[in-house]
Protein backbone atom coordinates (compact mmCIF):
# COMPACT_ATOMS: atom_id res chain seq x y z
CA MET A 1 0.00 0.00 0.00
CA GLY A 2 1.46 3.24 -1.08
CA ARG A 3 1.36 6.65 0.40
CA THR A 4 -1.33 7.84 -2.03
CA GLU A 5 -3.63 4.92 -1.21
CA LEU A 6 -3.23 5.60 2.54
CA VAL A 7 -4.15 9.27 2.07
CA ILE A 8 -7.20 8.32 -0.02
CA ILE A 9 -8.40 5.72 2.51
CA THR A 10 -7.91 8.18 5.38
CA ALA A 11 -9.81 10.87 3.46
CA VAL A 12 -12.70 8.47 2.75
CA ILE A 13 -12.88 7.42 6.43
CA LEU A 14 -12.84 11.04 7.62
CA PHE A 15 -15.46 12.06 5.06
CA THR A 16 -17.66 9.11 6.12
CA ALA A 17 -17.28 10.10 9.78
CA PHE A 18 -18.21 13.68 8.88
CA LEU A 19 -21.31 12.49 6.99
CA LEU A 20 -22.41 10.25 9.87
CA GLY A 21 -21.95 13.10 12.37
CA TRP A 22 -23.86 15.52 10.17
CA LEU A 23 -26.67 12.94 9.70
CA ALA A 24 -26.86 12.32 13.47
CA HIS A 25 -27.00 16.06 14.12
CA TRP A 26 -29.73 16.54 11.52
CA LEU A 27 -31.80 13.68 13.03
CA LEU A 28 -31.48 15.08 16.55
CA GLN A 29 -32.52 18.53 15.38
CA ARG A 30 -35.45 17.04 13.51
CA PHE A 31 -36.74 15.12 16.54
CA ASN A 32 -36.11 17.88 19.07
CA ARG A 33 -37.65 20.73 17.11
CA VAL A 34 -40.40 22.53 19.01
CA GLU A 35 -43.38 23.61 16.96
CA THR A 36 -45.03 27.01 17.41
CA ALA A 37 -48.24 25.32 18.55
CA ASN A 38 -46.30 23.62 21.32
CA VAL A 39 -44.70 26.90 22.34
CA ALA A 40 -48.12 28.54 22.55
CA GLU A 41 -49.40 25.63 24.60
CA LEU A 42 -46.39 25.87 26.92
CA ASP A 43 -47.01 29.60 27.35
CA HIS A 44 -50.66 28.91 28.17
CA MET A 45 -49.68 26.21 30.65
CA ALA A 46 -47.14 28.55 32.28
CA SER A 47 -49.72 31.31 32.70
CA ALA A 48 -52.28 28.82 34.06
CA LEU A 49 -49.68 27.55 36.54
CA HIS A 50 -48.89 31.10 37.60
CA GLU A 51 -52.58 31.84 38.16
CA ALA A 52 -52.98 28.60 40.12
CA GLU A 53 -50.03 29.50 42.33
CA GLU A 54 -51.51 32.96 42.99
CA ALA A 55 -54.89 31.38 43.83
CA ARG A 56 -53.16 28.92 46.17
CA ASP A 57 -51.30 31.74 47.92
CA ALA A 58 -54.53 33.72 48.31
CA ALA A 59 -56.29 30.63 49.67
CA LEU A 60 -53.48 30.08 52.18
CA VAL A 61 -53.71 33.68 53.38
CA GLN A 62 -57.48 33.36 53.70
CA LEU A 63 -57.08 30.05 55.55
CA GLU A 64 -54.61 31.57 58.00
CA ALA A 65 -56.93 34.52 58.63
CA ARG A 66 -59.92 32.21 59.18
CA GLU A 67 -57.86 29.96 61.46
CA SER A 68 -56.76 32.97 63.51
CA GLU A 69 -60.36 34.15 63.75
CA LEU A 70 -61.57 30.71 64.85
CA MET A 71 -58.79 30.40 67.44
CA HIS A 72 -59.79 33.80 68.85
CA GLU A 73 -63.44 32.69 69.03
CA LEU A 74 -62.40 29.41 70.65
CA ASN A 75 -60.36 31.20 73.30
CA GLN A 76 -63.23 33.61 73.93
CA THR A 77 -65.68 30.70 74.23
CA ARG A 78 -63.35 28.90 76.64
CA ALA A 79 -63.12 32.03 78.78
CA GLU A 80 -66.91 32.36 78.79
CA LEU A 81 -67.27 28.67 79.69
CA GLN A 82 -64.82 29.05 82.56
CA ALA A 83 -66.73 32.10 83.80
CA ALA A 84 -70.02 30.19 83.54
CA MET A 85 -68.54 27.21 85.39
CA ASP A 86 -67.25 29.50 88.14
CA GLY A 87 -70.67 31.15 88.40
CA LEU A 88 -72.38 27.75 88.52
CA GLY A 89 -70.01 26.61 91.27
CA ASN A 90 -70.77 29.76 93.26
CA ALA A 91 -74.52 29.27 92.75
CA ARG A 92 -74.30 25.65 93.97
CA ARG A 93 -72.39 26.69 97.07
CA GLU A 94 -74.96 29.37 97.81
CA ALA A 95 -77.78 26.87 97.26
CA GLU A 96 -76.13 24.43 99.68
CA GLU A 97 -75.68 27.20 102.21
CA LEU A 98 -79.35 28.19 101.84
CA ARG A 99 -80.48 24.54 102.24
CA ALA A 100 -78.32 24.19 105.31
CA TYR A 101 -79.74 27.44 106.71
CA ILE A 102 -83.34 26.40 105.97
CA GLU A 103 -82.83 22.94 107.54
CA ALA A 104 -81.19 24.50 110.56
CA ASN A 105 -84.08 26.95 111.01
CA SER A 106 -86.85 24.41 110.37
């Protein structure tokens, strides 16, 4: 094999490698190309996601406000219940004292 044949074989191998690389690149570009309809759909999905996140944040704020309001009402109701229980205890003691007084005077 002479020097000329070696150069020709090397050139053919390099040209074949170049063609295979170009073909692989072309195929990847062909399969990965994004159509304008898909871009519009992605934009729509992104805006819908943004709106959903804003709605979720608003719902969380509203939930926290409602929870705070309910906790305040619960604490107020507990205080009223404790006051009512104290009043009931005092009324029972007074009733017992009155019964004891009536039985003692009868």
